[in-house]
């Protein structure tokens, strides 16, 4: 379940980056968050492959795995929001100094 949630959020942030953030003010923030979630998806896919090699299933659909996926998604979105806040503060400081 963690893999499914992580890939879903990675796709959402990739679409947001390609439509909104590519040339916009938060291009670095969108690209960083997108790459972060795609990296996590690769990590969970390696974990799933390891589970298959050891005789288990690729996807773990347990409730604990669902909670872990939600925690990871919330933490990633919070990191994205903090990164946007830092970018806004930097641009406001830059505008205040050079205007």
PDB file of N, CA and C in Angstrom:
ATOM      1  N   UNK A   1       0.810  -1.187   0.000  1.00  0.00           N
ATOM      2  CA  UNK A   1       0.000   0.000   0.000  1.00  0.00           C
ATOM      3  C   UNK A   1       0.862   1.263   0.000  1.00  0.00           C
ATOM      4  N   UNK A   2       1.990   1.190   0.671  1.00  0.00           N
ATOM      5  CA  UNK A   2       2.895   2.341   0.688  1.00  0.00           C
ATOM      6  C   UNK A   2       3.384   2.653  -0.716  1.00  0.00           C
ATOM      7  N   UNK A   3       3.682   1.607  -1.481  1.00  0.00           N
ATOM      8  CA  UNK A   3       4.139   1.791  -2.859  1.00  0.00           C
ATOM      9  C   UNK A   3       3.063   2.478  -3.691  1.00  0.00           C
ATOM     10  N   UNK A   4       1.824   2.045  -3.545  1.00  0.00           N
ATOM     11  CA  UNK A   4       0.727   2.630  -4.322  1.00  0.00           C
ATOM     12  C   UNK A   4       0.520   4.101  -3.961  1.00  0.00           C
ATOM     13  N   UNK A   5       0.539   4.414  -2.690  1.00  0.00           N
ATOM     14  CA  UNK A   5       0.356   5.802  -2.244  1.00  0.00           C
ATOM     15  C   UNK A   5       1.511   6.678  -2.727  1.00  0.00           C
ATOM     16  N   UNK A   6       2.737   6.167  -2.612  1.00  0.00           N
ATOM     17  CA  UNK A   6       3.905   6.945  -3.014  1.00  0.00           C
ATOM     18  C   UNK A   6       3.915   7.212  -4.514  1.00  0.00           C
ATOM     19  N   UNK A   7       3.587   6.201  -5.311  1.00  0.00           N
ATOM     20  CA  UNK A   7       3.543   6.397  -6.765  1.00  0.00           C
ATOM     21  C   UNK A   7       2.426   7.368  -7.135  1.00  0.00           C
ATOM     22  N   UNK A   8       1.297   7.274  -6.468  1.00  0.00           N
ATOM     23  CA  UNK A   8       0.186   8.193  -6.756  1.00  0.00           C
ATOM     24  C   UNK A   8       0.578   9.639  -6.483  1.00  0.00           C
ATOM     25  N   UNK A   9       1.219   9.875  -5.368  1.00  0.00           N
ATOM     26  CA  UNK A   9       1.637  11.245  -5.042  1.00  0.00           C
ATOM     27  C   UNK A   9       2.756  11.697  -5.978  1.00  0.00           C
ATOM     28  N   UNK A  10       3.645  10.792  -6.355  1.00  0.00           N
ATOM     29  CA  UNK A  10       4.708  11.146  -7.300  1.00  0.00           C
ATOM     30  C   UNK A  10       4.116  11.553  -8.650  1.00  0.00           C
ATOM     31  N   UNK A  11       3.102  10.846  -9.109  1.00  0.00           N
ATOM     32  CA  UNK A  11       2.447  11.201 -10.369  1.00  0.00           C
ATOM     33  C   UNK A  11       1.761  12.560 -10.243  1.00  0.00           C
ATOM     34  N   UNK A  12       1.097  12.807  -9.128  1.00  0.00           N
ATOM     35  CA  UNK A  12       0.424  14.094  -8.921  1.00  0.00           C
ATOM     36  C   UNK A  12       1.427  15.243  -8.938  1.00  0.00           C
ATOM     37  N   UNK A  13       2.535  15.098  -8.217  1.00  0.00           N
ATOM     38  CA  UNK A  13       3.531  16.171  -8.194  1.00  0.00           C
ATOM     39  C   UNK A  13       4.229  16.326  -9.545  1.00  0.00           C
ATOM     40  N   UNK A  14       4.395  15.240 -10.279  1.00  0.00           N
ATOM     41  CA  UNK A  14       4.989  15.343 -11.611  1.00  0.00           C
ATOM     42  C   UNK A  14       4.072  16.105 -12.557  1.00  0.00           C
ATOM     43  N   UNK A  15       2.773  15.810 -12.487  1.00  0.00           N
ATOM     44  CA  UNK A  15       1.813  16.538 -13.322  1.00  0.00           C
ATOM     45  C   UNK A  15       1.774  18.015 -12.929  1.00  0.00           C
ATOM     46  N   UNK A  16       1.782  18.294 -11.622  1.00  0.00           N
ATOM     47  CA  UNK A  16       1.811  19.688 -11.173  1.00  0.00           C
ATOM     48  C   UNK A  16       3.075  20.390 -11.647  1.00  0.00           C
ATOM     49  N   UNK A  17       4.202  19.695 -11.597  1.00  0.00           N
ATOM     50  CA  UNK A  17       5.453  20.298 -12.050  1.00  0.00           C
ATOM     51  C   UNK A  17       5.403  20.584 -13.552  1.00  0.00           C
ATOM     52  N   UNK A  18       4.890  19.644 -14.326  1.00  0.00           N
ATOM     53  CA  UNK A  18       4.864  19.832 -15.774  1.00  0.00           C
ATOM     54  C   UNK A  18       3.848  20.872 -16.218  1.00  0.00           C
ATOM     55  N   UNK A  19       2.776  21.053 -15.468  1.00  0.00           N
ATOM     56  CA  UNK A  19       1.761  22.023 -15.879  1.00  0.00           C
ATOM     57  C   UNK A  19       1.937  23.392 -15.228  1.00  0.00           C
ATOM     58  N   UNK A  20       2.216  23.419 -13.944  1.00  0.00           N
ATOM     59  CA  UNK A  20       2.262  24.695 -13.220  1.00  0.00           C
ATOM     60  C   UNK A  20       3.686  25.165 -12.965  1.00  0.00           C
ATOM     61  N   UNK A  21       4.483  24.281 -12.428  1.00  0.00           N
ATOM     62  CA  UNK A  21       5.737  24.713 -11.848  1.00  0.00           C
ATOM     63  C   UNK A  21       6.941  24.761 -12.740  1.00  0.00           C
ATOM     64  N   UNK A  22       6.844  24.339 -13.992  1.00  0.00           N
ATOM     65  CA  UNK A  22       8.038  24.253 -14.833  1.00  0.00           C
ATOM     66  C   UNK A  22       8.707  25.610 -15.053  1.00  0.00           C
ATOM     67  N   UNK A  23       7.921  26.621 -15.287  1.00  0.00           N
ATOM     68  CA  UNK A  23       8.486  27.946 -15.521  1.00  0.00           C
ATOM     69  C   UNK A  23       8.096  28.935 -14.431  1.00  0.00           C
ATOM     70  N   UNK A  24       7.369  28.462 -13.460  1.00  0.00           N
ATOM     71  CA  UNK A  24       6.833  29.345 -12.440  1.00  0.00           C
ATOM     72  C   UNK A  24       7.808  29.639 -11.321  1.00  0.00           C
ATOM     73  N   UNK A  25       7.250  30.245 -10.328  1.00  0.00           N
ATOM     74  CA  UNK A  25       8.022  30.712  -9.185  1.00  0.00           C
ATOM     75  C   UNK A  25       8.551  29.549  -8.336  1.00  0.00           C
ATOM     76  N   UNK A  26       7.818  28.456  -8.292  1.00  0.00           N
ATOM     77  CA  UNK A  26       8.176  27.342  -7.426  1.00  0.00           C
ATOM     78  C   UNK A  26       8.685  26.135  -8.220  1.00  0.00           C
ATOM     79  N   UNK A  27       9.403  26.371  -9.296  1.00  0.00           N
ATOM     80  CA  UNK A  27       9.875  25.277 -10.145  1.00  0.00           C
ATOM     81  C   UNK A  27      10.796  24.326  -9.387  1.00  0.00           C
ATOM     82  N   UNK A  28      11.703  24.865  -8.606  1.00  0.00           N
ATOM     83  CA  UNK A  28      12.633  24.018  -7.856  1.00  0.00           C
ATOM     84  C   UNK A  28      11.889  23.235  -6.784  1.00  0.00           C
ATOM     85  N   UNK A  29      10.917  23.851  -6.151  1.00  0.00           N
ATOM     86  CA  UNK A  29      10.153  23.176  -5.103  1.00  0.00           C
ATOM     87  C   UNK A  29       9.346  22.011  -5.672  1.00  0.00           C
ATOM     88  N   UNK A  30       8.662  22.236  -6.805  1.00  0.00           N
ATOM     89  CA  UNK A  30       7.897  21.157  -7.422  1.00  0.00           C
ATOM     90  C   UNK A  30       8.807  20.031  -7.899  1.00  0.00           C
ATOM     91  N   UNK A  31       9.924  20.382  -8.520  1.00  0.00           N
ATOM     92  CA  UNK A  31      10.817  19.337  -9.038  1.00  0.00           C
ATOM     93  C   UNK A  31      11.453  18.547  -7.896  1.00  0.00           C
ATOM     94  N   UNK A  32      11.825  19.222  -6.815  1.00  0.00           N
ATOM     95  CA  UNK A  32      12.415  18.524  -5.673  1.00  0.00           C
ATOM     96  C   UNK A  32      11.427  17.554  -5.051  1.00  0.00           C
ATOM     97  N   UNK A  33      10.205  17.985  -4.866  1.00  0.00           N
ATOM     98  CA  UNK A  33       9.202  17.116  -4.256  1.00  0.00           C
ATOM     99  C   UNK A  33       8.852  15.953  -5.183  1.00  0.00           C
ATOM    100  N   UNK A  34       8.782  16.218  -6.466  1.00  0.00           N
ATOM    101  CA  UNK A  34       8.511  15.149  -7.417  1.00  0.00           C
ATOM    102  C   UNK A  34       9.622  14.102  -7.399  1.00  0.00           C
ATOM    103  N   UNK A  35      10.859  14.560  -7.432  1.00  0.00           N
ATOM    104  CA  UNK A  35      11.987  13.620  -7.379  1.00  0.00           C
ATOM    105  C   UNK A  35      12.040  12.877  -6.052  1.00  0.00           C
ATOM    106  N   UNK A  36      11.675  13.540  -4.979  1.00  0.00           N
ATOM    107  CA  UNK A  36      11.666  12.893  -3.668  1.00  0.00           C
ATOM    108  C   UNK A  36      10.665  11.736  -3.641  1.00  0.00           C
ATOM    109  N   UNK A  37       9.464  11.958  -4.164  1.00  0.00           N
ATOM    110  CA  UNK A  37       8.466  10.896  -4.157  1.00  0.00           C
ATOM    111  C   UNK A  37       8.807   9.787  -5.152  1.00  0.00           C
ATOM    112  N   UNK A  38       9.402  10.139  -6.311  1.00  0.00           N
ATOM    113  CA  UNK A  38       9.811   9.080  -7.244  1.00  0.00           C
ATOM    114  C   UNK A  38      10.939   8.241  -6.645  1.00  0.00           C
ATOM    115  N   UNK A  39      11.827   8.868  -5.907  1.00  0.00           N
ATOM    116  CA  UNK A  39      12.894   8.110  -5.229  1.00  0.00           C
ATOM    117  C   UNK A  39      12.317   7.172  -4.183  1.00  0.00           C
ATOM    118  N   UNK A  40      11.323   7.646  -3.447  1.00  0.00           N
ATOM    119  CA  UNK A  40      10.668   6.784  -2.461  1.00  0.00           C
ATOM    120  C   UNK A  40       9.944   5.630  -3.151  1.00  0.00           C
ATOM    121  N   UNK A  41       9.344   5.890  -4.313  1.00  0.00           N
ATOM    122  CA  UNK A  41       8.672   4.820  -5.055  1.00  0.00           C
ATOM    123  C   UNK A  41       9.665   3.759  -5.514  1.00  0.00           C
ATOM    124  N   UNK A  42      10.843   4.193  -5.945  1.00  0.00           N
ATOM    125  CA  UNK A  42      11.885   3.227  -6.326  1.00  0.00           C
ATOM    126  C   UNK A  42      12.312   2.415  -5.107  1.00  0.00           C
ATOM    127  N   UNK A  43      12.438   3.079  -3.970  1.00  0.00           N
ATOM    128  CA  UNK A  43      12.815   2.365  -2.748  1.00  0.00           C
ATOM    129  C   UNK A  43      11.764   1.323  -2.388  1.00  0.00           C
ATOM    130  N   UNK A  44      10.478   1.665  -2.465  1.00  0.00           N
ATOM    131  CA  UNK A  44       9.423   0.706  -2.123  1.00  0.00           C
ATOM    132  C   UNK A  44       9.342  -0.410  -3.152  1.00  0.00           C
ATOM    133  N   UNK A  45       9.666  -0.128  -4.420  1.00  0.00           N
ATOM    134  CA  UNK A  45       9.651  -1.208  -5.419  1.00  0.00           C
ATOM    135  C   UNK A  45      10.787  -2.191  -5.163  1.00  0.00           C
ATOM    136  N   UNK A  46      11.945  -1.704  -4.744  1.00  0.00           N
ATOM    137  CA  UNK A  46      13.044  -2.602  -4.379  1.00  0.00           C
ATOM    138  C   UNK A  46      12.647  -3.435  -3.169  1.00  0.00           C
ATOM    139  N   UNK A  47      11.954  -2.829  -2.212  1.00  0.00           N
ATOM    140  CA  UNK A  47      11.465  -3.568  -1.060  1.00  0.00           C
ATOM    141  C   UNK A  47      10.474  -4.650  -1.490  1.00  0.00           C
ATOM    142  N   UNK A  48       9.605  -4.329  -2.440  1.00  0.00           N
ATOM    143  CA  UNK A  48       8.657  -5.318  -2.951  1.00  0.00           C
ATOM    144  C   UNK A  48       9.349  -6.449  -3.683  1.00  0.00           C
ATOM    145  N   UNK A  49      10.379  -6.132  -4.467  1.00  0.00           N
ATOM    146  CA  UNK A  49      11.141  -7.177  -5.154  1.00  0.00           C
ATOM    147  C   UNK A  49      11.852  -8.078  -4.157  1.00  0.00           C
ATOM    148  N   UNK A  50      12.376  -7.511  -3.104  1.00  0.00           N
ATOM    149  CA  UNK A  50      13.007  -8.307  -2.059  1.00  0.00           C
ATOM    150  C   UNK A  50      11.991  -9.230  -1.399  1.00  0.00           C
ATOM    151  N   UNK A  51      10.788  -8.738  -1.213  1.00  0.00           N
ATOM    152  CA  UNK A  51       9.739  -9.564  -0.637  1.00  0.00           C
ATOM    153  C   UNK A  51       9.374 -10.721  -1.564  1.00  0.00           C
ATOM    154  N   UNK A  52       9.323 -10.468  -2.865  1.00  0.00           N
ATOM    155  CA  UNK A  52       9.021 -11.521  -3.837  1.00  0.00           C
ATOM    156  C   UNK A  52      10.132 -12.565  -3.853  1.00  0.00           C
ATOM    157  N   UNK A  53      11.366 -12.120  -3.809  1.00  0.00           N
ATOM    158  CA  UNK A  53      12.499 -13.054  -3.803  1.00  0.00           C
ATOM    159  C   UNK A  53      12.448 -13.963  -2.579  1.00  0.00           C
ATOM    160  N   UNK A  54      11.997 -13.425  -1.453  1.00  0.00           N
ATOM    161  CA  UNK A  54      11.920 -14.211  -0.224  1.00  0.00           C
ATOM    162  C   UNK A  54      10.601 -14.970  -0.079  1.00  0.00           C
ATOM    163  N   UNK A  55       9.778 -14.987  -1.126  1.00  0.00           N
ATOM    164  CA  UNK A  55       8.566 -15.789  -1.109  1.00  0.00           C
ATOM    165  C   UNK A  55       7.304 -15.055  -0.724  1.00  0.00           C
ATOM    166  N   UNK A  56       7.349 -13.774  -0.543  1.00  0.00           N
ATOM    167  CA  UNK A  56       6.163 -12.996  -0.179  1.00  0.00           C
ATOM    168  C   UNK A  56       5.508 -12.374  -1.398  1.00  0.00           C
ATOM    169  N   UNK A  57       4.599 -11.461  -1.155  1.00  0.00           N
ATOM    170  CA  UNK A  57       3.936 -10.766  -2.255  1.00  0.00           C
ATOM    171  C   UNK A  57       4.612  -9.413  -2.492  1.00  0.00           C
ATOM    172  N   UNK A  58       4.415  -8.878  -3.693  1.00  0.00           N
ATOM    173  CA  UNK A  58       5.043  -7.592  -4.039  1.00  0.00           C
ATOM    174  C   UNK A  58       4.415  -6.448  -3.250  1.00  0.00           C
ATOM    175  N   UNK A  59       3.101  -6.444  -3.158  1.00  0.00           N
ATOM    176  CA  UNK A  59       2.398  -5.381  -2.440  1.00  0.00           C
ATOM    177  C   UNK A  59       1.947  -5.880  -1.073  1.00  0.00           C
ATOM    178  N   UNK A  60       2.195  -5.079  -0.078  1.00  0.00           N
ATOM    179  CA  UNK A  60       1.723  -5.369   1.267  1.00  0.00           C
ATOM    180  C   UNK A  60       0.475  -4.526   1.491  1.00  0.00           C
ATOM    181  N   UNK A  61      -0.666  -5.175   1.595  1.00  0.00           N
ATOM    182  CA  UNK A  61      -1.929  -4.455   1.721  1.00  0.00           C
ATOM    183  C   UNK A  61      -2.447  -4.433   3.148  1.00  0.00           C
ATOM    184  N   UNK A  62      -1.541  -4.493   4.105  1.00  0.00           N
ATOM    185  CA  UNK A  62      -1.949  -4.496   5.510  1.00  0.00           C
ATOM    186  C   UNK A  62      -2.295  -3.084   5.976  1.00  0.00           C
ATOM    187  N   UNK A  63      -2.939  -3.027   7.119  1.00  0.00           N
ATOM    188  CA  UNK A  63      -3.337  -1.741   7.681  1.00  0.00           C
ATOM    189  C   UNK A  63      -2.112  -0.946   8.141  1.00  0.00           C
ATOM    190  N   UNK A  64      -1.102  -1.626   8.662  1.00  0.00           N
ATOM    191  CA  UNK A  64       0.119  -0.947   9.098  1.00  0.00           C
ATOM    192  C   UNK A  64       0.829  -0.291   7.916  1.00  0.00           C
ATOM    193  N   UNK A  65       0.810  -0.980   6.777  1.00  0.00           N
ATOM    194  CA  UNK A  65       1.444  -0.424   5.582  1.00  0.00           C
ATOM    195  C   UNK A  65       0.654   0.779   5.064  1.00  0.00           C
ATOM    196  N   UNK A  66      -0.652   0.748   5.211  1.00  0.00           N
ATOM    197  CA  UNK A  66      -1.481   1.891   4.844  1.00  0.00           C
ATOM    198  C   UNK A  66      -1.134   3.097   5.709  1.00  0.00           C
ATOM    199  N   UNK A  67      -1.011   2.877   7.009  1.00  0.00           N
ATOM    200  CA  UNK A  67      -0.641   3.966   7.910  1.00  0.00           C
ATOM    201  C   UNK A  67       0.741   4.521   7.574  1.00  0.00           C
ATOM    202  N   UNK A  68       1.677   3.634   7.256  1.00  0.00           N
ATOM    203  CA  UNK A  68       3.013   4.085   6.874  1.00  0.00           C
ATOM    204  C   UNK A  68       2.964   4.932   5.607  1.00  0.00           C
ATOM    205  N   UNK A  69       2.167   4.515   4.628  1.00  0.00           N
ATOM    206  CA  UNK A  69       2.024   5.289   3.396  1.00  0.00           C
ATOM    207  C   UNK A  69       1.431   6.660   3.640  1.00  0.00           C
ATOM    208  N   UNK A  70       0.437   6.724   4.521  1.00  0.00           N
ATOM    209  CA  UNK A  70      -0.182   8.013   4.836  1.00  0.00           C
ATOM    210  C   UNK A  70       0.805   8.922   5.562  1.00  0.00           C
ATOM    211  N   UNK A  71       1.568   8.352   6.481  1.00  0.00           N
ATOM    212  CA  UNK A  71       2.576   9.145   7.201  1.00  0.00           C
ATOM    213  C   UNK A  71       3.621   9.688   6.236  1.00  0.00           C
ATOM    214  N   UNK A  72       4.061   8.866   5.297  1.00  0.00           N
ATOM    215  CA  UNK A  72       5.061   9.304   4.320  1.00  0.00           C
ATOM    216  C   UNK A  72       4.484  10.391   3.420  1.00  0.00           C
ATOM    217  N   UNK A  73       3.242  10.223   2.986  1.00  0.00           N
ATOM    218  CA  UNK A  73       2.610  11.224   2.125  1.00  0.00           C
ATOM    219  C   UNK A  73       2.452  12.556   2.851  1.00  0.00           C
ATOM    220  N   UNK A  74       1.996  12.510   4.099  1.00  0.00           N
ATOM    221  CA  UNK A  74       1.816  13.744   4.875  1.00  0.00           C
ATOM    222  C   UNK A  74       3.164  14.419   5.130  1.00  0.00           C
ATOM    223  N   UNK A  75       4.183  13.624   5.461  1.00  0.00           N
ATOM    224  CA  UNK A  75       5.508  14.200   5.702  1.00  0.00           C
ATOM    225  C   UNK A  75       6.068  14.842   4.429  1.00  0.00           C
ATOM    226  N   UNK A  76       5.870  14.204   3.293  1.00  0.00           N
ATOM    227  CA  UNK A  76       6.342  14.775   2.034  1.00  0.00           C
ATOM    228  C   UNK A  76       5.626  16.054   1.655  1.00  0.00           C
ATOM    229  N   UNK A  77       4.325  16.082   1.862  1.00  0.00           N
ATOM    230  CA  UNK A  77       3.558  17.294   1.562  1.00  0.00           C
ATOM    231  C   UNK A  77       3.939  18.424   2.529  1.00  0.00           C
ATOM    232  N   UNK A  78       4.166  18.097   3.794  1.00  0.00           N
ATOM    233  CA  UNK A  78       4.630  19.116   4.745  1.00  0.00           C
ATOM    234  C   UNK A  78       5.996  19.662   4.344  1.00  0.00           C
ATOM    235  N   UNK A  79       6.882  18.785   3.910  1.00  0.00           N
ATOM    236  CA  UNK A  79       8.189  19.235   3.428  1.00  0.00           C
ATOM    237  C   UNK A  79       8.036  20.144   2.214  1.00  0.00           C
ATOM    238  N   UNK A  80       7.101  19.811   1.330  1.00  0.00           N
ATOM    239  CA  UNK A  80       6.821  20.646   0.164  1.00  0.00           C
ATOM    240  C   UNK A  80       6.315  22.021   0.596  1.00  0.00           C
ATOM    241  N   UNK A  81       5.403  22.061   1.546  1.00  0.00           N
ATOM    242  CA  UNK A  81       4.865  23.343   2.012  1.00  0.00           C
ATOM    243  C   UNK A  81       5.923  24.186   2.714  1.00  0.00           C
ATOM    244  N   UNK A  82       6.778  23.546   3.499  1.00  0.00           N
ATOM    245  CA  UNK A  82       7.868  24.271   4.155  1.00  0.00           C
ATOM    246  C   UNK A  82       8.834  24.820   3.124  1.00  0.00           C
ATOM    247  N   UNK A  83       9.113  24.038   2.102  1.00  0.00           N
ATOM    248  CA  UNK A  83      10.002  24.497   1.033  1.00  0.00           C
ATOM    249  C   UNK A  83       9.402  25.685   0.287  1.00  0.00           C
ATOM    250  N   UNK A  84       8.088  25.651   0.049  1.00  0.00           N
ATOM    251  CA  UNK A  84       7.427  26.794  -0.594  1.00  0.00           C
ATOM    252  C   UNK A  84       7.491  28.032   0.293  1.00  0.00           C
ATOM    253  N   UNK A  85       7.297  27.851   1.597  1.00  0.00           N
ATOM    254  CA  UNK A  85       7.369  28.967   2.535  1.00  0.00           C
ATOM    255  C   UNK A  85       8.764  29.588   2.545  1.00  0.00           C
ATOM    256  N   UNK A  86       9.780  28.771   2.529  1.00  0.00           N
ATOM    257  CA  UNK A  86      11.157  29.274   2.486  1.00  0.00           C
ATOM    258  C   UNK A  86      11.400  30.051   1.202  1.00  0.00           C
ATOM    259  N   UNK A  87      10.886  29.531   0.084  1.00  0.00           N
ATOM    260  CA  UNK A  87      11.053  30.222  -1.195  1.00  0.00           C
ATOM    261  C   UNK A  87      10.352  31.583  -1.198  1.00  0.00           C
ATOM    262  N   UNK A  88       9.163  31.654  -0.611  1.00  0.00           N
ATOM    263  CA  UNK A  88       8.430  32.922  -0.526  1.00  0.00           C
ATOM    264  C   UNK A  88       9.190  33.912   0.347  1.00  0.00           C
ATOM    265  N   UNK A  89       9.706  33.453   1.478  1.00  0.00           N
ATOM    266  CA  UNK A  89      10.463  34.337   2.368  1.00  0.00           C
ATOM    267  C   UNK A  89      11.720  34.867   1.686  1.00  0.00           C
ATOM    268  N   UNK A  90      12.403  34.011   0.960  1.00  0.00           N
ATOM    269  CA  UNK A  90      13.610  34.454   0.241  1.00  0.00           C
ATOM    270  C   UNK A  90      13.280  35.492  -0.818  1.00  0.00           C
ATOM    271  N   UNK A  91      12.214  35.241  -1.579  1.00  0.00           N
ATOM    272  CA  UNK A  91      11.881  36.195  -2.636  1.00  0.00           C
ATOM    273  C   UNK A  91      11.389  37.518  -2.041  1.00  0.00           C
ATOM    274  N   UNK A  92      10.666  37.476  -0.935  1.00  0.00           N
ATOM    275  CA  UNK A  92      10.228  38.714  -0.289  1.00  0.00           C
ATOM    276  C   UNK A  92      11.416  39.499   0.252  1.00  0.00           C
ATOM    277  N   UNK A  93      12.374  38.793   0.828  1.00  0.00           N
ATOM    278  CA  UNK A  93      13.572  39.458   1.339  1.00  0.00           C
ATOM    279  C   UNK A  93      14.373  40.072   0.183  1.00  0.00           C
ATOM    280  N   UNK A  94      14.485  39.340  -0.917  1.00  0.00           N
ATOM    281  CA  UNK A  94      15.213  39.844  -2.073  1.00  0.00           C
ATOM    282  C   UNK A  94      14.520  41.079  -2.646  1.00  0.00           C
ATOM    283  N   UNK A  95      13.188  41.045  -2.752  1.00  0.00           N
ATOM    284  CA  UNK A  95      12.438  42.185  -3.281  1.00  0.00           C
ATOM    285  C   UNK A  95      12.544  43.396  -2.368  1.00  0.00           C
ATOM    286  N   UNK A  96      12.572  43.163  -1.052  1.00  0.00           N
ATOM    287  CA  UNK A  96      12.666  44.281  -0.097  1.00  0.00           C
ATOM    288  C   UNK A  96      14.023  44.955  -0.172  1.00  0.00           C
ATOM    289  N   UNK A  97      15.063  44.195  -0.437  1.00  0.00           N
ATOM    290  CA  UNK A  97      16.416  44.750  -0.471  1.00  0.00           C
ATOM    291  C   UNK A  97      16.668  45.515  -1.769  1.00  0.00           C
ATOM    292  N   UNK A  98      16.224  44.961  -2.907  1.00  0.00           N
ATOM    293  CA  UNK A  98      16.584  45.517  -4.213  1.00  0.00           C
ATOM    294  C   UNK A  98      15.497  46.363  -4.842  1.00  0.00           C
ATOM    295  N   UNK A  99      14.478  46.732  -4.099  1.00  0.00           N
ATOM    296  CA  UNK A  99      13.473  47.637  -4.681  1.00  0.00           C
ATOM    297  C   UNK A  99      13.586  49.013  -4.139  1.00  0.00           C
TER     298      UNK A  99
END
